[in-house]
Amino acid sequence: MATKVHRTTGNVFKDLGFPPHEAENLRARADLMIHLTRIIKSRRLTQAAAAKALGVTQPRISDLMRGKIDRFSIDSLIEMLGQAGLRVSFVLKPRRKVA
């Protein structure tokens, strides 16, 4: 049985069939969540310590660490990154067209 290979769009959420606007939102949230989890791990914070540092509850950190993307808005993730001492900036560019 041959394996079918599909060219990626560069956004896994779009590849999974989400509408373009929703796929971009999910991609942005996923990127922000990845940065937050890396910060927590690099600082070797417990979930309780991370919660205190980021101004949220421990169950919220648990959701973050388990990748519960549906429980986070872009706004809440940016707020947590700010609490972690980071300044968030954006790079805007036209969507890439895939043939």
N, C-alpha and C. Protein backbone atom coordinates (compact mmCIF):
# COMPACT_ATOMS: atom_id res chain seq x y z
N MET A 1 0.85 -1.19 0.00
CA MET A 1 0.00 0.00 0.00
C MET A 1 0.89 1.25 0.00
N ALA A 2 0.70 2.12 -0.95
CA ALA A 2 1.51 3.33 -1.08
C ALA A 2 1.02 4.40 -0.10
N THR A 3 1.96 5.14 0.46
CA THR A 3 1.63 6.23 1.35
C THR A 3 1.46 7.48 0.53
N LYS A 4 0.33 8.19 0.76
CA LYS A 4 0.09 9.44 0.07
C LYS A 4 0.75 10.57 0.83
N VAL A 5 1.48 11.40 0.13
CA VAL A 5 2.16 12.54 0.74
C VAL A 5 1.50 13.81 0.21
N HIS A 6 1.18 14.71 1.15
CA HIS A 6 0.57 15.99 0.78
C HIS A 6 1.52 17.11 1.14
N ARG A 7 1.60 18.10 0.29
CA ARG A 7 2.43 19.27 0.57
C ARG A 7 1.75 20.07 1.67
N THR A 8 2.53 20.52 2.65
CA THR A 8 1.98 21.29 3.76
C THR A 8 1.80 22.75 3.35
N THR A 9 0.86 23.37 4.02
CA THR A 9 0.65 24.81 3.82
C THR A 9 1.56 25.61 4.76
N GLY A 10 2.19 24.93 5.68
CA GLY A 10 2.98 25.61 6.71
C GLY A 10 2.18 25.86 7.96
N ASN A 11 0.91 25.52 7.94
CA ASN A 11 0.03 25.67 9.10
C ASN A 11 -0.71 24.36 9.27
N VAL A 12 -0.35 23.62 10.30
CA VAL A 12 -0.94 22.30 10.52
C VAL A 12 -2.46 22.38 10.69
N PHE A 13 -2.95 23.46 11.26
CA PHE A 13 -4.39 23.59 11.47
C PHE A 13 -5.14 23.75 10.15
N LYS A 14 -4.55 24.48 9.22
CA LYS A 14 -5.14 24.59 7.88
C LYS A 14 -5.09 23.23 7.18
N ASP A 15 -3.95 22.54 7.34
CA ASP A 15 -3.81 21.21 6.74
C ASP A 15 -4.86 20.24 7.28
N LEU A 16 -5.27 20.46 8.52
CA LEU A 16 -6.29 19.60 9.13
C LEU A 16 -7.72 19.98 8.72
N GLY A 17 -7.85 21.06 7.96
CA GLY A 17 -9.17 21.42 7.43
C GLY A 17 -9.86 22.59 8.09
N PHE A 18 -9.19 23.27 9.01
CA PHE A 18 -9.80 24.44 9.63
C PHE A 18 -9.86 25.57 8.61
N PRO A 19 -10.90 26.42 8.68
CA PRO A 19 -10.96 27.58 7.78
C PRO A 19 -9.73 28.46 8.00
N PRO A 20 -9.28 29.17 6.97
CA PRO A 20 -8.05 29.96 7.07
C PRO A 20 -7.98 30.90 8.28
N HIS A 21 -9.06 31.65 8.56
CA HIS A 21 -9.03 32.59 9.69
C HIS A 21 -8.88 31.87 11.02
N GLU A 22 -9.56 30.75 11.17
CA GLU A 22 -9.46 29.97 12.41
C GLU A 22 -8.10 29.30 12.53
N ALA A 23 -7.58 28.82 11.41
CA ALA A 23 -6.26 28.16 11.41
C ALA A 23 -5.18 29.15 11.84
N GLU A 24 -5.26 30.40 11.40
CA GLU A 24 -4.26 31.41 11.79
C GLU A 24 -4.36 31.71 13.28
N ASN A 25 -5.58 31.80 13.80
CA ASN A 25 -5.77 32.04 15.23
C ASN A 25 -5.21 30.88 16.05
N LEU A 26 -5.49 29.67 15.64
CA LEU A 26 -4.98 28.49 16.35
C LEU A 26 -3.46 28.43 16.29
N ARG A 27 -2.90 28.77 15.15
CA ARG A 27 -1.44 28.76 15.01
C ARG A 27 -0.80 29.78 15.94
N ALA A 28 -1.38 30.97 16.01
CA ALA A 28 -0.84 32.01 16.90
C ALA A 28 -0.92 31.56 18.35
N ARG A 29 -2.07 31.01 18.75
CA ARG A 29 -2.20 30.52 20.14
C ARG A 29 -1.21 29.41 20.44
N ALA A 30 -1.04 28.49 19.49
CA ALA A 30 -0.10 27.39 19.70
C ALA A 30 1.33 27.92 19.87
N ASP A 31 1.72 28.87 19.04
CA ASP A 31 3.06 29.46 19.15
C ASP A 31 3.27 30.12 20.51
N LEU A 32 2.28 30.88 20.97
CA LEU A 32 2.39 31.55 22.27
C LEU A 32 2.45 30.53 23.40
N MET A 33 1.65 29.47 23.29
CA MET A 33 1.66 28.42 24.32
C MET A 33 3.01 27.71 24.37
N ILE A 34 3.59 27.46 23.22
CA ILE A 34 4.90 26.81 23.17
C ILE A 34 5.94 27.69 23.88
N HIS A 35 5.91 28.99 23.62
CA HIS A 35 6.87 29.89 24.27
C HIS A 35 6.68 29.87 25.79
N LEU A 36 5.44 29.91 26.24
CA LEU A 36 5.18 29.89 27.68
C LEU A 36 5.67 28.58 28.33
N THR A 37 5.39 27.46 27.71
CA THR A 37 5.82 26.19 28.31
C THR A 37 7.34 26.11 28.33
N ARG A 38 8.01 26.62 27.30
CA ARG A 38 9.48 26.64 27.29
C ARG A 38 10.04 27.50 28.41
N ILE A 39 9.40 28.64 28.65
CA ILE A 39 9.84 29.52 29.74
C ILE A 39 9.71 28.80 31.08
N ILE A 40 8.57 28.18 31.30
CA ILE A 40 8.33 27.47 32.56
C ILE A 40 9.36 26.37 32.75
N LYS A 41 9.61 25.61 31.70
CA LYS A 41 10.59 24.51 31.79
C LYS A 41 12.00 25.04 31.98
N SER A 42 12.38 26.08 31.23
CA SER A 42 13.75 26.60 31.32
C SER A 42 14.02 27.21 32.70
N ARG A 43 12.98 27.75 33.32
CA ARG A 43 13.14 28.34 34.66
C ARG A 43 12.95 27.28 35.76
N ARG A 44 12.65 26.08 35.32
CA ARG A 44 12.44 24.95 36.24
C ARG A 44 11.41 25.27 37.33
N LEU A 45 10.31 25.87 36.89
CA LEU A 45 9.24 26.24 37.82
C LEU A 45 8.27 25.08 38.01
N THR A 46 7.82 24.91 39.23
CA THR A 46 6.71 23.99 39.47
C THR A 46 5.46 24.66 38.91
N GLN A 47 4.39 23.89 38.78
CA GLN A 47 3.15 24.50 38.29
C GLN A 47 2.66 25.57 39.26
N ALA A 48 2.81 25.34 40.54
CA ALA A 48 2.38 26.33 41.55
C ALA A 48 3.21 27.60 41.43
N ALA A 49 4.53 27.47 41.29
CA ALA A 49 5.40 28.64 41.16
C ALA A 49 5.12 29.37 39.85
N ALA A 50 4.90 28.63 38.77
CA ALA A 50 4.58 29.25 37.48
C ALA A 50 3.27 30.02 37.57
N ALA A 51 2.29 29.43 38.23
CA ALA A 51 0.99 30.10 38.39
C ALA A 51 1.15 31.42 39.12
N LYS A 52 1.93 31.41 40.19
CA LYS A 52 2.15 32.64 40.96
C LYS A 52 2.88 33.68 40.11
N ALA A 53 3.92 33.26 39.40
CA ALA A 53 4.71 34.17 38.57
C ALA A 53 3.90 34.75 37.42
N LEU A 54 2.99 33.96 36.86
CA LEU A 54 2.22 34.40 35.69
C LEU A 54 0.85 34.97 36.04
N GLY A 55 0.51 34.98 37.32
CA GLY A 55 -0.75 35.59 37.76
C GLY A 55 -1.99 34.80 37.41
N VAL A 56 -1.85 33.47 37.39
CA VAL A 56 -3.00 32.59 37.09
C VAL A 56 -3.04 31.48 38.14
N THR A 57 -4.00 30.59 38.01
CA THR A 57 -4.12 29.47 38.94
C THR A 57 -3.29 28.28 38.47
N GLN A 58 -3.01 27.37 39.40
CA GLN A 58 -2.25 26.17 39.05
C GLN A 58 -2.99 25.32 38.02
N PRO A 59 -4.33 25.14 38.13
CA PRO A 59 -5.01 24.37 37.08
C PRO A 59 -4.87 25.00 35.70
N ARG A 60 -4.74 26.32 35.65
CA ARG A 60 -4.55 27.01 34.38
C ARG A 60 -3.19 26.64 33.78
N ILE A 61 -2.17 26.55 34.63
CA ILE A 61 -0.84 26.14 34.17
C ILE A 61 -0.88 24.69 33.71
N SER A 62 -1.63 23.86 34.42
CA SER A 62 -1.78 22.47 34.02
C SER A 62 -2.39 22.38 32.62
N ASP A 63 -3.42 23.18 32.36
CA ASP A 63 -4.04 23.21 31.03
C ASP A 63 -3.02 23.65 29.97
N LEU A 64 -2.22 24.64 30.31
CA LEU A 64 -1.19 25.13 29.40
C LEU A 64 -0.18 24.03 29.08
N MET A 65 0.31 23.38 30.10
CA MET A 65 1.34 22.36 29.92
C MET A 65 0.81 21.13 29.17
N ARG A 66 -0.49 20.90 29.26
CA ARG A 66 -1.09 19.76 28.55
C ARG A 66 -1.61 20.15 27.16
N GLY A 67 -1.36 21.40 26.76
CA GLY A 67 -1.72 21.82 25.41
C GLY A 67 -3.20 22.01 25.17
N LYS A 68 -3.95 22.37 26.16
CA LYS A 68 -5.40 22.58 26.02
C LYS A 68 -5.66 23.92 25.34
N ILE A 69 -5.41 23.96 24.06
CA ILE A 69 -5.46 25.21 23.28
C ILE A 69 -6.83 25.89 23.33
N ASP A 70 -7.88 25.10 23.42
CA ASP A 70 -9.24 25.66 23.42
C ASP A 70 -9.54 26.47 24.69
N ARG A 71 -8.70 26.38 25.70
CA ARG A 71 -8.94 27.09 26.96
C ARG A 71 -8.21 28.42 27.06
N PHE A 72 -7.52 28.82 25.98
CA PHE A 72 -6.72 30.03 26.02
C PHE A 72 -7.02 30.94 24.84
N SER A 73 -7.14 32.22 25.15
CA SER A 73 -7.27 33.24 24.10
C SER A 73 -5.89 33.83 23.84
N ILE A 74 -5.74 34.48 22.72
CA ILE A 74 -4.48 35.16 22.43
C ILE A 74 -4.21 36.21 23.51
N ASP A 75 -5.25 36.93 23.92
CA ASP A 75 -5.10 37.96 24.95
C ASP A 75 -4.56 37.39 26.25
N SER A 76 -5.12 36.26 26.70
CA SER A 76 -4.68 35.69 27.98
C SER A 76 -3.23 35.20 27.89
N LEU A 77 -2.85 34.66 26.75
CA LEU A 77 -1.48 34.18 26.58
C LEU A 77 -0.49 35.34 26.55
N ILE A 78 -0.86 36.44 25.88
CA ILE A 78 0.01 37.62 25.85
C ILE A 78 0.15 38.20 27.25
N GLU A 79 -0.93 38.20 28.01
CA GLU A 79 -0.88 38.69 29.39
C GLU A 79 0.09 37.86 30.22
N MET A 80 0.04 36.54 30.09
CA MET A 80 0.94 35.67 30.84
C MET A 80 2.40 35.89 30.40
N LEU A 81 2.63 36.08 29.11
CA LEU A 81 3.98 36.35 28.63
C LEU A 81 4.50 37.67 29.21
N GLY A 82 3.62 38.65 29.31
CA GLY A 82 4.00 39.92 29.93
C GLY A 82 4.37 39.73 31.39
N GLN A 83 3.61 38.91 32.10
CA GLN A 83 3.91 38.61 33.50
C GLN A 83 5.26 37.90 33.63
N ALA A 84 5.64 37.18 32.58
CA ALA A 84 6.92 36.46 32.58
C ALA A 84 8.08 37.40 32.22
N GLY A 85 7.77 38.65 31.91
CA GLY A 85 8.82 39.61 31.60
C GLY A 85 9.14 39.77 30.13
N LEU A 86 8.27 39.27 29.29
CA LEU A 86 8.49 39.37 27.85
C LEU A 86 7.59 40.43 27.24
N ARG A 87 8.08 41.03 26.17
CA ARG A 87 7.28 41.96 25.38
C ARG A 87 6.94 41.23 24.08
N VAL A 88 5.69 41.19 23.76
CA VAL A 88 5.23 40.49 22.55
C VAL A 88 5.13 41.48 21.41
N SER A 89 5.69 41.11 20.27
CA SER A 89 5.53 41.91 19.06
C SER A 89 5.09 40.98 17.94
N PHE A 90 4.60 41.55 16.89
CA PHE A 90 4.03 40.77 15.80
C PHE A 90 4.75 41.06 14.50
N VAL A 91 4.82 40.06 13.66
CA VAL A 91 5.31 40.21 12.30
C VAL A 91 4.13 39.85 11.40
N LEU A 92 3.74 40.80 10.60
CA LEU A 92 2.61 40.59 9.70
C LEU A 92 3.13 40.43 8.28
N LYS A 93 2.64 39.43 7.59
CA LYS A 93 3.05 39.22 6.20
C LYS A 93 1.91 38.58 5.44
N PRO A 94 1.88 38.76 4.14
CA PRO A 94 0.81 38.17 3.34
C PRO A 94 0.84 36.65 3.44
N ARG A 95 -0.32 36.05 3.30
CA ARG A 95 -0.38 34.60 3.29
C ARG A 95 0.35 34.06 2.09
N ARG A 96 0.99 32.92 2.29
CA ARG A 96 1.70 32.25 1.22
C ARG A 96 0.69 31.47 0.40
N LYS A 97 0.76 31.58 -0.89
CA LYS A 97 -0.14 30.81 -1.76
C LYS A 97 0.49 29.47 -2.05
N VAL A 98 -0.29 28.43 -1.87
CA VAL A 98 0.20 27.08 -2.13
C VAL A 98 -0.43 26.57 -3.41
N ALA A 99 0.39 26.05 -4.29
CA ALA A 99 -0.10 25.55 -5.58
C ALA A 99 -0.82 24.24 -5.41
